[in-house]
PDB file of N, CA and C in Angstrom:
ATOM      1  N   UNK A   1     -98.082  64.250 176.288  1.00  0.00           N
ATOM      2  CA  UNK A   1     -99.151  63.566 175.595  1.00  0.00           C
ATOM      3  C   UNK A   1     -99.506  62.304 176.361  1.00  0.00           C
ATOM      4  N   UNK A   2    -100.814  62.087 176.575  1.00  0.00           N
ATOM      5  CA  UNK A   2    -101.232  60.912 177.334  1.00  0.00           C
ATOM      6  C   UNK A   2    -101.199  59.675 176.446  1.00  0.00           C
ATOM      7  N   UNK A   3    -100.949  58.520 177.049  1.00  0.00           N
ATOM      8  CA  UNK A   3    -100.876  57.291 176.256  1.00  0.00           C
ATOM      9  C   UNK A   3    -102.257  56.841 175.794  1.00  0.00           C
ATOM     10  N   UNK A   4    -102.305  56.089 174.719  1.00  0.00           N
ATOM     11  CA  UNK A   4    -103.554  55.491 174.271  1.00  0.00           C
ATOM     12  C   UNK A   4    -103.982  54.497 175.330  1.00  0.00           C
ATOM     13  N   UNK A   5    -105.212  54.602 175.768  1.00  0.00           N
ATOM     14  CA  UNK A   5    -105.667  53.738 176.849  1.00  0.00           C
ATOM     15  C   UNK A   5    -106.351  52.473 176.353  1.00  0.00           C
ATOM     16  N   UNK A   6    -107.081  52.543 175.244  1.00  0.00           N
ATOM     17  CA  UNK A   6    -107.823  51.400 174.748  1.00  0.00           C
ATOM     18  C   UNK A   6    -107.653  51.299 173.230  1.00  0.00           C
ATOM     19  N   UNK A   7    -107.414  50.100 172.741  1.00  0.00           N
ATOM     20  CA  UNK A   7    -107.354  49.822 171.304  1.00  0.00           C
ATOM     21  C   UNK A   7    -108.584  49.030 170.916  1.00  0.00           C
ATOM     22  N   UNK A   8    -109.182  49.389 169.799  1.00  0.00           N
ATOM     23  CA  UNK A   8    -110.267  48.603 169.216  1.00  0.00           C
ATOM     24  C   UNK A   8    -109.879  48.224 167.800  1.00  0.00           C
ATOM     25  N   UNK A   9    -110.164  46.981 167.416  1.00  0.00           N
ATOM     26  CA  UNK A   9    -110.002  46.565 166.027  1.00  0.00           C
ATOM     27  C   UNK A   9    -111.369  46.621 165.355  1.00  0.00           C
ATOM     28  N   UNK A  10    -111.402  47.168 164.156  1.00  0.00           N
ATOM     29  CA  UNK A  10    -112.632  47.276 163.381  1.00  0.00           C
ATOM     30  C   UNK A  10    -112.403  46.660 162.004  1.00  0.00           C
ATOM     31  N   UNK A  11    -113.412  45.996 161.495  1.00  0.00           N
ATOM     32  CA  UNK A  11    -113.270  45.338 160.192  1.00  0.00           C
ATOM     33  C   UNK A  11    -113.192  46.350 159.057  1.00  0.00           C
ATOM     34  N   UNK A  12    -113.993  47.419 159.142  1.00  0.00           N
ATOM     35  CA  UNK A  12    -114.012  48.468 158.117  1.00  0.00           C
ATOM     36  C   UNK A  12    -113.493  49.748 158.764  1.00  0.00           C
ATOM     37  N   UNK A  13    -112.254  50.084 158.468  1.00  0.00           N
ATOM     38  CA  UNK A  13    -111.584  51.212 159.124  1.00  0.00           C
ATOM     39  C   UNK A  13    -112.325  52.531 158.920  1.00  0.00           C
ATOM     40  N   UNK A  14    -112.728  52.823 157.684  1.00  0.00           N
ATOM     41  CA  UNK A  14    -113.407  54.092 157.413  1.00  0.00           C
ATOM     42  C   UNK A  14    -114.756  54.174 158.123  1.00  0.00           C
ATOM     43  N   UNK A  15    -115.503  53.070 158.135  1.00  0.00           N
ATOM     44  CA  UNK A  15    -116.787  53.041 158.843  1.00  0.00           C
ATOM     45  C   UNK A  15    -116.560  53.190 160.349  1.00  0.00           C
ATOM     46  N   UNK A  16    -115.504  52.578 160.875  1.00  0.00           N
ATOM     47  CA  UNK A  16    -115.181  52.709 162.294  1.00  0.00           C
ATOM     48  C   UNK A  16    -114.851  54.139 162.677  1.00  0.00           C
ATOM     49  N   UNK A  17    -114.026  54.780 161.856  1.00  0.00           N
ATOM     50  CA  UNK A  17    -113.684  56.197 162.106  1.00  0.00           C
ATOM     51  C   UNK A  17    -114.945  57.054 162.102  1.00  0.00           C
ATOM     52  N   UNK A  18    -115.806  56.831 161.135  1.00  0.00           N
ATOM     53  CA  UNK A  18    -117.042  57.612 161.032  1.00  0.00           C
ATOM     54  C   UNK A  18    -117.925  57.382 162.253  1.00  0.00           C
ATOM     55  N   UNK A  19    -118.027  56.141 162.724  1.00  0.00           N
ATOM     56  CA  UNK A  19    -118.849  55.835 163.890  1.00  0.00           C
ATOM     57  C   UNK A  19    -118.360  56.602 165.115  1.00  0.00           C
ATOM     58  N   UNK A  20    -117.064  56.514 165.385  1.00  0.00           N
ATOM     59  CA  UNK A  20    -116.524  57.141 166.596  1.00  0.00           C
ATOM     60  C   UNK A  20    -116.561  58.669 166.533  1.00  0.00           C
ATOM     61  N   UNK A  21    -116.357  59.241 165.359  1.00  0.00           N
ATOM     62  CA  UNK A  21    -116.370  60.707 165.261  1.00  0.00           C
ATOM     63  C   UNK A  21    -117.797  61.249 165.110  1.00  0.00           C
ATOM     64  N   UNK A  22    -118.580  60.672 164.198  1.00  0.00           N
ATOM     65  CA  UNK A  22    -119.913  61.205 163.922  1.00  0.00           C
ATOM     66  C   UNK A  22    -120.955  60.826 164.959  1.00  0.00           C
ATOM     67  N   UNK A  23    -120.917  59.600 165.436  1.00  0.00           N
ATOM     68  CA  UNK A  23    -121.956  59.117 166.361  1.00  0.00           C
ATOM     69  C   UNK A  23    -121.597  59.327 167.831  1.00  0.00           C
ATOM     70  N   UNK A  24    -120.319  59.128 168.181  1.00  0.00           N
ATOM     71  CA  UNK A  24    -119.934  59.223 169.593  1.00  0.00           C
ATOM     72  C   UNK A  24    -119.191  60.505 169.939  1.00  0.00           C
ATOM     73  N   UNK A  25    -118.901  61.343 168.961  1.00  0.00           N
ATOM     74  CA  UNK A  25    -118.315  62.652 169.252  1.00  0.00           C
ATOM     75  C   UNK A  25    -116.833  62.661 169.564  1.00  0.00           C
ATOM     76  N   UNK A  26    -116.095  61.639 169.142  1.00  0.00           N
ATOM     77  CA  UNK A  26    -114.644  61.645 169.315  1.00  0.00           C
ATOM     78  C   UNK A  26    -114.016  62.556 168.268  1.00  0.00           C
ATOM     79  N   UNK A  27    -112.902  63.168 168.613  1.00  0.00           N
ATOM     80  CA  UNK A  27    -112.115  63.973 167.672  1.00  0.00           C
ATOM     81  C   UNK A  27    -110.893  63.163 167.265  1.00  0.00           C
ATOM     82  N   UNK A  28    -110.632  63.139 165.976  1.00  0.00           N
ATOM     83  CA  UNK A  28    -109.464  62.405 165.492  1.00  0.00           C
ATOM     84  C   UNK A  28    -108.224  63.253 165.737  1.00  0.00           C
ATOM     85  N   UNK A  29    -107.252  62.682 166.453  1.00  0.00           N
ATOM     86  CA  UNK A  29    -106.024  63.431 166.772  1.00  0.00           C
ATOM     87  C   UNK A  29    -104.819  62.930 165.997  1.00  0.00           C
ATOM     88  N   UNK A  30    -104.939  61.749 165.382  1.00  0.00           N
ATOM     89  CA  UNK A  30    -103.842  61.213 164.568  1.00  0.00           C
ATOM     90  C   UNK A  30    -104.430  60.214 163.584  1.00  0.00           C
ATOM     91  N   UNK A  31    -103.935  60.224 162.352  1.00  0.00           N
ATOM     92  CA  UNK A  31    -104.391  59.286 161.334  1.00  0.00           C
ATOM     93  C   UNK A  31    -103.200  58.735 160.580  1.00  0.00           C
ATOM     94  N   UNK A  32    -103.110  57.411 160.514  1.00  0.00           N
ATOM     95  CA  UNK A  32    -102.114  56.733 159.689  1.00  0.00           C
ATOM     96  C   UNK A  32    -102.912  55.970 158.636  1.00  0.00           C
ATOM     97  N   UNK A  33    -103.184  56.650 157.524  1.00  0.00           N
ATOM     98  CA  UNK A  33    -104.010  56.071 156.460  1.00  0.00           C
ATOM     99  C   UNK A  33    -103.375  54.801 155.897  1.00  0.00           C
ATOM    100  N   UNK A  34    -102.069  54.828 155.706  1.00  0.00           N
ATOM    101  CA  UNK A  34    -101.367  53.673 155.147  1.00  0.00           C
ATOM    102  C   UNK A  34    -101.369  52.493 156.111  1.00  0.00           C
ATOM    103  N   UNK A  35    -101.119  52.771 157.392  1.00  0.00           N
ATOM    104  CA  UNK A  35    -101.108  51.718 158.409  1.00  0.00           C
ATOM    105  C   UNK A  35    -102.496  51.324 158.869  1.00  0.00           C
ATOM    106  N   UNK A  36    -103.524  52.094 158.460  1.00  0.00           N
ATOM    107  CA  UNK A  36    -104.925  51.830 158.788  1.00  0.00           C
ATOM    108  C   UNK A  36    -105.181  51.842 160.293  1.00  0.00           C
ATOM    109  N   UNK A  37    -104.725  52.936 160.940  1.00  0.00           N
ATOM    110  CA  UNK A  37    -105.086  53.124 162.340  1.00  0.00           C
ATOM    111  C   UNK A  37    -105.190  54.613 162.636  1.00  0.00           C
ATOM    112  N   UNK A  38    -105.940  54.945 163.685  1.00  0.00           N
ATOM    113  CA  UNK A  38    -106.162  56.341 164.066  1.00  0.00           C
ATOM    114  C   UNK A  38    -106.261  56.448 165.574  1.00  0.00           C
ATOM    115  N   UNK A  39    -105.910  57.618 166.068  1.00  0.00           N
ATOM    116  CA  UNK A  39    -106.040  57.937 167.490  1.00  0.00           C
ATOM    117  C   UNK A  39    -107.194  58.936 167.619  1.00  0.00           C
ATOM    118  N   UNK A  40    -108.054  58.717 168.603  1.00  0.00           N
ATOM    119  CA  UNK A  40    -109.257  59.532 168.784  1.00  0.00           C
ATOM    120  C   UNK A  40    -109.383  59.938 170.244  1.00  0.00           C
ATOM    121  N   UNK A  41    -109.991  61.097 170.481  1.00  0.00           N
ATOM    122  CA  UNK A  41    -110.097  61.617 171.853  1.00  0.00           C
ATOM    123  C   UNK A  41    -111.493  62.199 172.082  1.00  0.00           C
ATOM    124  N   UNK A  42    -112.025  61.950 173.263  1.00  0.00           N
ATOM    125  CA  UNK A  42    -113.249  62.621 173.716  1.00  0.00           C
ATOM    126  C   UNK A  42    -113.086  62.856 175.202  1.00  0.00           C
ATOM    127  N   UNK A  43    -113.051  64.107 175.583  1.00  0.00           N
ATOM    128  CA  UNK A  43    -112.814  64.439 176.985  1.00  0.00           C
ATOM    129  C   UNK A  43    -111.463  63.908 177.412  1.00  0.00           C
ATOM    130  N   UNK A  44    -111.433  63.134 178.479  1.00  0.00           N
ATOM    131  CA  UNK A  44    -110.191  62.556 178.997  1.00  0.00           C
ATOM    132  C   UNK A  44    -109.881  61.185 178.410  1.00  0.00           C
ATOM    133  N   UNK A  45    -110.791  60.651 177.602  1.00  0.00           N
ATOM    134  CA  UNK A  45    -110.624  59.287 177.079  1.00  0.00           C
ATOM    135  C   UNK A  45    -109.980  59.305 175.703  1.00  0.00           C
ATOM    136  N   UNK A  46    -108.859  58.612 175.600  1.00  0.00           N
ATOM    137  CA  UNK A  46    -108.174  58.472 174.324  1.00  0.00           C
ATOM    138  C   UNK A  46    -108.221  57.012 173.912  1.00  0.00           C
ATOM    139  N   UNK A  47    -108.623  56.774 172.662  1.00  0.00           N
ATOM    140  CA  UNK A  47    -108.648  55.419 172.131  1.00  0.00           C
ATOM    141  C   UNK A  47    -107.882  55.397 170.818  1.00  0.00           C
ATOM    142  N   UNK A  48    -107.617  54.212 170.338  1.00  0.00           N
ATOM    143  CA  UNK A  48    -107.063  54.037 168.996  1.00  0.00           C
ATOM    144  C   UNK A  48    -107.864  52.936 168.332  1.00  0.00           C
ATOM    145  N   UNK A  49    -108.105  53.109 167.041  1.00  0.00           N
ATOM    146  CA  UNK A  49    -108.762  52.056 166.281  1.00  0.00           C
ATOM    147  C   UNK A  49    -107.835  51.633 165.156  1.00  0.00           C
ATOM    148  N   UNK A  50    -107.875  50.358 164.847  1.00  0.00           N
ATOM    149  CA  UNK A  50    -107.048  49.819 163.776  1.00  0.00           C
ATOM    150  C   UNK A  50    -107.877  48.813 162.989  1.00  0.00           C
ATOM    151  N   UNK A  51    -107.576  48.727 161.701  1.00  0.00           N
ATOM    152  CA  UNK A  51    -108.278  47.756 160.880  1.00  0.00           C
ATOM    153  C   UNK A  51    -107.812  46.356 161.254  1.00  0.00           C
ATOM    154  N   UNK A  52    -108.764  45.464 161.452  1.00  0.00           N
ATOM    155  CA  UNK A  52    -108.433  44.090 161.811  1.00  0.00           C
ATOM    156  C   UNK A  52    -109.637  43.392 162.398  1.00  0.00           C
ATOM    157  N   UNK A  53    -109.429  42.175 162.808  1.00  0.00           N
ATOM    158  CA  UNK A  53    -110.514  41.387 163.392  1.00  0.00           C
ATOM    159  C   UNK A  53    -110.706  41.808 164.854  1.00  0.00           C
ATOM    160  N   UNK A  54    -111.939  42.214 165.233  1.00  0.00           N
ATOM    161  CA  UNK A  54    -112.184  42.641 166.623  1.00  0.00           C
ATOM    162  C   UNK A  54    -111.784  41.563 167.620  1.00  0.00           C
ATOM    163  N   UNK A  55    -111.243  42.003 168.748  1.00  0.00           N
ATOM    164  CA  UNK A  55    -110.788  41.104 169.803  1.00  0.00           C
ATOM    165  C   UNK A  55    -111.865  41.005 170.883  1.00  0.00           C
ATOM    166  N   UNK A  56    -112.184  39.791 171.294  1.00  0.00           N
ATOM    167  CA  UNK A  56    -113.216  39.600 172.300  1.00  0.00           C
ATOM    168  C   UNK A  56    -112.802  40.169 173.660  1.00  0.00           C
ATOM    169  N   UNK A  57    -111.528  40.107 173.964  1.00  0.00           N
ATOM    170  CA  UNK A  57    -111.050  40.540 175.278  1.00  0.00           C
ATOM    171  C   UNK A  57    -110.433  41.939 175.244  1.00  0.00           C
ATOM    172  N   UNK A  58    -110.935  42.794 174.381  1.00  0.00           N
ATOM    173  CA  UNK A  58    -110.417  44.162 174.299  1.00  0.00           C
ATOM    174  C   UNK A  58    -110.808  44.943 175.552  1.00  0.00           C
ATOM    175  N   UNK A  59    -110.069  45.990 175.840  1.00  0.00           N
ATOM    176  CA  UNK A  59    -110.416  46.870 176.947  1.00  0.00           C
ATOM    177  C   UNK A  59    -111.705  47.607 176.640  1.00  0.00           C
ATOM    178  N   UNK A  60    -112.201  48.362 177.596  1.00  0.00           N
ATOM    179  CA  UNK A  60    -113.436  49.115 177.410  1.00  0.00           C
ATOM    180  C   UNK A  60    -113.164  50.585 177.691  1.00  0.00           C
ATOM    181  N   UNK A  61    -113.418  51.428 176.704  1.00  0.00           N
ATOM    182  CA  UNK A  61    -113.272  52.872 176.887  1.00  0.00           C
ATOM    183  C   UNK A  61    -114.460  53.381 177.683  1.00  0.00           C
ATOM    184  N   UNK A  62    -114.203  54.288 178.624  1.00  0.00           N
ATOM    185  CA  UNK A  62    -115.267  54.928 179.392  1.00  0.00           C
ATOM    186  C   UNK A  62    -115.282  56.404 179.034  1.00  0.00           C
ATOM    187  N   UNK A  63    -116.459  56.883 178.633  1.00  0.00           N
ATOM    188  CA  UNK A  63    -116.617  58.258 178.179  1.00  0.00           C
ATOM    189  C   UNK A  63    -117.621  58.961 179.080  1.00  0.00           C
ATOM    190  N   UNK A  64    -117.227  60.095 179.661  1.00  0.00           N
ATOM    191  CA  UNK A  64    -118.121  60.879 180.512  1.00  0.00           C
ATOM    192  C   UNK A  64    -119.104  61.659 179.654  1.00  0.00           C
ATOM    193  N   UNK A  65    -120.375  61.621 180.055  1.00  0.00           N
ATOM    194  CA  UNK A  65    -121.418  62.391 179.375  1.00  0.00           C
ATOM    195  C   UNK A  65    -122.234  63.144 180.421  1.00  0.00           C
ATOM    196  N   UNK A  66    -122.879  64.228 179.988  1.00  0.00           N
ATOM    197  CA  UNK A  66    -123.653  65.052 180.915  1.00  0.00           C
ATOM    198  C   UNK A  66    -125.028  64.442 181.203  1.00  0.00           C
ATOM    199  N   UNK A  67    -125.673  63.839 180.199  1.00  0.00           N
ATOM    200  CA  UNK A  67    -127.018  63.293 180.358  1.00  0.00           C
ATOM    201  C   UNK A  67    -127.097  61.948 179.647  1.00  0.00           C
ATOM    202  N   UNK A  68    -126.902  60.888 180.390  1.00  0.00           N
ATOM    203  CA  UNK A  68    -126.806  59.549 179.798  1.00  0.00           C
ATOM    204  C   UNK A  68    -128.119  59.092 179.192  1.00  0.00           C
ATOM    205  N   UNK A  69    -129.243  59.477 179.799  1.00  0.00           N
ATOM    206  CA  UNK A  69    -130.539  59.058 179.255  1.00  0.00           C
ATOM    207  C   UNK A  69    -130.792  59.710 177.896  1.00  0.00           C
ATOM    208  N   UNK A  70    -130.426  60.965 177.759  1.00  0.00           N
ATOM    209  CA  UNK A  70    -130.567  61.655 176.463  1.00  0.00           C
ATOM    210  C   UNK A  70    -129.646  61.025 175.418  1.00  0.00           C
ATOM    211  N   UNK A  71    -128.426  60.666 175.827  1.00  0.00           N
ATOM    212  CA  UNK A  71    -127.492  60.005 174.907  1.00  0.00           C
ATOM    213  C   UNK A  71    -128.053  58.658 174.468  1.00  0.00           C
ATOM    214  N   UNK A  72    -128.619  57.897 175.400  1.00  0.00           N
ATOM    215  CA  UNK A  72    -129.190  56.586 175.072  1.00  0.00           C
ATOM    216  C   UNK A  72    -130.306  56.740 174.046  1.00  0.00           C
ATOM    217  N   UNK A  73    -131.190  57.707 174.248  1.00  0.00           N
ATOM    218  CA  UNK A  73    -132.295  57.948 173.313  1.00  0.00           C
ATOM    219  C   UNK A  73    -131.772  58.356 171.945  1.00  0.00           C
ATOM    220  N   UNK A  74    -130.794  59.251 171.915  1.00  0.00           N
ATOM    221  CA  UNK A  74    -130.233  59.727 170.650  1.00  0.00           C
ATOM    222  C   UNK A  74    -129.599  58.579 169.876  1.00  0.00           C
ATOM    223  N   UNK A  75    -128.797  57.768 170.563  1.00  0.00           N
ATOM    224  CA  UNK A  75    -128.108  56.662 169.901  1.00  0.00           C
ATOM    225  C   UNK A  75    -129.089  55.596 169.415  1.00  0.00           C
ATOM    226  N   UNK A  76    -130.092  55.276 170.233  1.00  0.00           N
ATOM    227  CA  UNK A  76    -131.105  54.294 169.810  1.00  0.00           C
ATOM    228  C   UNK A  76    -131.844  54.799 168.566  1.00  0.00           C
ATOM    229  N   UNK A  77    -132.170  56.090 168.545  1.00  0.00           N
ATOM    230  CA  UNK A  77    -132.872  56.682 167.400  1.00  0.00           C
ATOM    231  C   UNK A  77    -132.040  56.577 166.123  1.00  0.00           C
ATOM    232  N   UNK A  78    -130.709  56.521 166.277  1.00  0.00           N
ATOM    233  CA  UNK A  78    -129.823  56.397 165.116  1.00  0.00           C
ATOM    234  C   UNK A  78    -129.521  54.936 164.777  1.00  0.00           C
ATOM    235  N   UNK A  79    -130.197  54.014 165.475  1.00  0.00           N
ATOM    236  CA  UNK A  79    -130.043  52.601 165.171  1.00  0.00           C
ATOM    237  C   UNK A  79    -128.789  51.956 165.747  1.00  0.00           C
ATOM    238  N   UNK A  80    -128.203  52.597 166.756  1.00  0.00           N
ATOM    239  CA  UNK A  80    -126.989  52.071 167.377  1.00  0.00           C
ATOM    240  C   UNK A  80    -127.368  51.161 168.535  1.00  0.00           C
ATOM    241  N   UNK A  81    -126.663  50.042 168.656  1.00  0.00           N
ATOM    242  CA  UNK A  81    -126.935  49.082 169.720  1.00  0.00           C
ATOM    243  C   UNK A  81    -126.461  49.643 171.056  1.00  0.00           C
ATOM    244  N   UNK A  82    -127.403  49.792 171.977  1.00  0.00           N
ATOM    245  CA  UNK A  82    -127.077  50.272 173.321  1.00  0.00           C
ATOM    246  C   UNK A  82    -127.740  49.356 174.334  1.00  0.00           C
ATOM    247  N   UNK A  83    -127.147  49.287 175.504  1.00  0.00           N
ATOM    248  CA  UNK A  83    -127.690  48.472 176.577  1.00  0.00           C
ATOM    249  C   UNK A  83    -128.721  49.256 177.386  1.00  0.00           C
ATOM    250  N   UNK A  84    -128.881  48.855 178.632  1.00  0.00           N
ATOM    251  CA  UNK A  84    -129.811  49.496 179.552  1.00  0.00           C
ATOM    252  C   UNK A  84    -129.015  50.414 180.474  1.00  0.00           C
ATOM    253  N   UNK A  85    -129.571  51.581 180.770  1.00  0.00           N
ATOM    254  CA  UNK A  85    -128.911  52.498 181.703  1.00  0.00           C
ATOM    255  C   UNK A  85    -128.949  51.863 183.093  1.00  0.00           C
ATOM    256  N   UNK A  86    -127.779  51.726 183.708  1.00  0.00           N
ATOM    257  CA  UNK A  86    -127.665  51.190 185.062  1.00  0.00           C
ATOM    258  C   UNK A  86    -127.306  52.322 186.008  1.00  0.00           C
ATOM    259  N   UNK A  87    -127.977  52.376 187.153  1.00  0.00           N
ATOM    260  CA  UNK A  87    -127.643  53.385 188.142  1.00  0.00           C
ATOM    261  C   UNK A  87    -126.999  52.708 189.338  1.00  0.00           C
ATOM    262  N   UNK A  88    -125.840  53.239 189.769  1.00  0.00           N
ATOM    263  CA  UNK A  88    -125.095  52.671 190.880  1.00  0.00           C
ATOM    264  C   UNK A  88    -125.229  53.553 192.114  1.00  0.00           C
ATOM    265  N   UNK A  89    -126.059  53.129 193.030  1.00  0.00           N
ATOM    266  CA  UNK A  89    -126.187  53.770 194.350  1.00  0.00           C
ATOM    267  C   UNK A  89    -126.384  55.278 194.284  1.00  0.00           C
ATOM    268  N   UNK A  90    -127.102  55.776 193.281  1.00  0.00           N
ATOM    269  CA  UNK A  90    -127.372  57.206 193.185  1.00  0.00           C
ATOM    270  C   UNK A  90    -126.138  58.050 192.911  1.00  0.00           C
ATOM    271  N   UNK A  91    -125.022  57.410 192.551  1.00  0.00           N
ATOM    272  CA  UNK A  91    -123.780  58.147 192.334  1.00  0.00           C
ATOM    273  C   UNK A  91    -123.378  58.229 190.873  1.00  0.00           C
ATOM    274  N   UNK A  92    -123.736  57.192 190.108  1.00  0.00           N
ATOM    275  CA  UNK A  92    -123.284  57.143 188.722  1.00  0.00           C
ATOM    276  C   UNK A  92    -124.267  56.340 187.889  1.00  0.00           C
ATOM    277  N   UNK A  93    -124.413  56.750 186.634  1.00  0.00           N
ATOM    278  CA  UNK A  93    -125.180  55.970 185.667  1.00  0.00           C
ATOM    279  C   UNK A  93    -124.214  55.494 184.601  1.00  0.00           C
ATOM    280  N   UNK A  94    -124.405  54.255 184.154  1.00  0.00           N
ATOM    281  CA  UNK A  94    -123.552  53.654 183.128  1.00  0.00           C
ATOM    282  C   UNK A  94    -124.407  53.117 181.995  1.00  0.00           C
ATOM    283  N   UNK A  95    -123.861  53.153 180.794  1.00  0.00           N
ATOM    284  CA  UNK A  95    -124.558  52.639 179.626  1.00  0.00           C
ATOM    285  C   UNK A  95    -123.545  52.025 178.679  1.00  0.00           C
ATOM    286  N   UNK A  96    -123.777  50.779 178.296  1.00  0.00           N
ATOM    287  CA  UNK A  96    -122.926  50.126 177.305  1.00  0.00           C
ATOM    288  C   UNK A  96    -123.434  50.459 175.910  1.00  0.00           C
ATOM    289  N   UNK A  97    -122.507  50.839 175.043  1.00  0.00           N
ATOM    290  CA  UNK A  97    -122.788  51.138 173.643  1.00  0.00           C
ATOM    291  C   UNK A  97    -121.860  50.245 172.831  1.00  0.00           C
ATOM    292  N   UNK A  98    -122.351  49.754 171.698  1.00  0.00           N
ATOM    293  CA  UNK A  98    -121.558  48.842 170.873  1.00  0.00           C
ATOM    294  C   UNK A  98    -121.343  49.423 169.489  1.00  0.00           C
ATOM    295  N   UNK A  99    -120.084  49.387 169.034  1.00  0.00           N
ATOM    296  CA  UNK A  99    -119.802  49.858 167.682  1.00  0.00           C
ATOM    297  C   UNK A  99    -120.272  48.791 166.683  1.00  0.00           C
ATOM    298  N   UNK A 100    -120.219  49.074 165.380  1.00  0.00           N
ATOM    299  CA  UNK A 100    -120.720  48.112 164.389  1.00  0.00           C
ATOM    300  C   UNK A 100    -120.021  46.744 164.435  1.00  0.00           C
ATOM    301  N   UNK A 101    -118.834  46.660 165.036  1.00  0.00           N
ATOM    302  CA  UNK A 101    -118.117  45.393 165.140  1.00  0.00           C
ATOM    303  C   UNK A 101    -118.303  44.721 166.494  1.00  0.00           C
ATOM    304  N   UNK A 102    -119.153  45.295 167.348  1.00  0.00           N
ATOM    305  CA  UNK A 102    -119.427  44.687 168.646  1.00  0.00           C
ATOM    306  C   UNK A 102    -118.484  45.102 169.756  1.00  0.00           C
ATOM    307  N   UNK A 103    -117.565  46.039 169.492  1.00  0.00           N
ATOM    308  CA  UNK A 103    -116.689  46.550 170.554  1.00  0.00           C
ATOM    309  C   UNK A 103    -117.532  47.357 171.532  1.00  0.00           C
ATOM    310  N   UNK A 104    -117.285  47.165 172.823  1.00  0.00           N
ATOM    311  CA  UNK A 104    -118.082  47.831 173.862  1.00  0.00           C
ATOM    312  C   UNK A 104    -117.411  49.119 174.327  1.00  0.00           C
ATOM    313  N   UNK A 105    -118.200  50.189 174.389  1.00  0.00           N
ATOM    314  CA  UNK A 105    -117.788  51.484 174.927  1.00  0.00           C
ATOM    315  C   UNK A 105    -118.768  51.772 176.064  1.00  0.00           C
ATOM    316  N   UNK A 106    -118.277  52.279 177.166  1.00  0.00           N
ATOM    317  CA  UNK A 106    -119.152  52.553 178.293  1.00  0.00           C
ATOM    318  C   UNK A 106    -119.290  54.060 178.486  1.00  0.00           C
ATOM    319  N   UNK A 107    -120.539  54.548 178.466  1.00  0.00           N
ATOM    320  CA  UNK A 107    -120.798  55.945 178.766  1.00  0.00           C
ATOM    321  C   UNK A 107    -121.076  56.034 180.265  1.00  0.00           C
ATOM    322  N   UNK A 108    -120.611  57.114 180.884  1.00  0.00           N
ATOM    323  CA  UNK A 108    -120.765  57.282 182.331  1.00  0.00           C
ATOM    324  C   UNK A 108    -121.236  58.701 182.647  1.00  0.00           C
ATOM    325  N   UNK A 109    -122.203  58.797 183.550  1.00  0.00           N
ATOM    326  CA  UNK A 109    -122.689  60.089 184.033  1.00  0.00           C
ATOM    327  C   UNK A 109    -122.559  60.097 185.543  1.00  0.00           C
ATOM    328  N   UNK A 110    -121.793  61.025 186.045  1.00  0.00           N
ATOM    329  CA  UNK A 110    -121.627  61.149 187.494  1.00  0.00           C
ATOM    330  C   UNK A 110    -122.815  61.921 188.048  1.00  0.00           C
ATOM    331  N   UNK A 111    -123.476  61.363 189.066  1.00  0.00           N
ATOM    332  CA  UNK A 111    -124.659  61.994 189.632  1.00  0.00           C
ATOM    333  C   UNK A 111    -124.342  62.841 190.848  1.00  0.00           C
ATOM    334  N   UNK A 112    -123.425  62.381 191.694  1.00  0.00           N
ATOM    335  CA  UNK A 112    -123.094  63.140 192.893  1.00  0.00           C
ATOM    336  C   UNK A 112    -121.936  64.064 192.594  1.00  0.00           C
ATOM    337  N   UNK A 113    -122.200  65.306 192.534  1.00  0.00           N
ATOM    338  CA  UNK A 113    -121.148  66.297 192.275  1.00  0.00           C
ATOM    339  C   UNK A 113    -120.772  66.911 193.620  1.00  0.00           C
ATOM    340  N   UNK A 114    -119.587  66.543 194.082  1.00  0.00           N
ATOM    341  CA  UNK A 114    -119.327  66.932 195.421  1.00  0.00           C
ATOM    342  C   UNK A 114    -118.193  67.779 195.667  1.00  0.00           C
TER     343      UNK A 114
END
């Protein structure tokens, strides 16, 4: 089992779980209802969320997506705060997405498949 790579604190645990599973497509792999934390996975990225005050210096989860521009449009249409798609030297596109507590998640699309 791979270790949890990034922890996010969310003020409303149930709303946080719903955001990551319903909006960003993470699958819940572990839930501690009493301890108010959960482990979530999407592709190779594993995160954990816990109820608490969000930390300004938290790590940033990176999630691979097939079409970042389509994801940006979909998320904006759902009222989710997203940044601007950045393209790095024709090799990768990146997009910052923010959960309801301001935690940053980075979506990544690899352009050069080699």
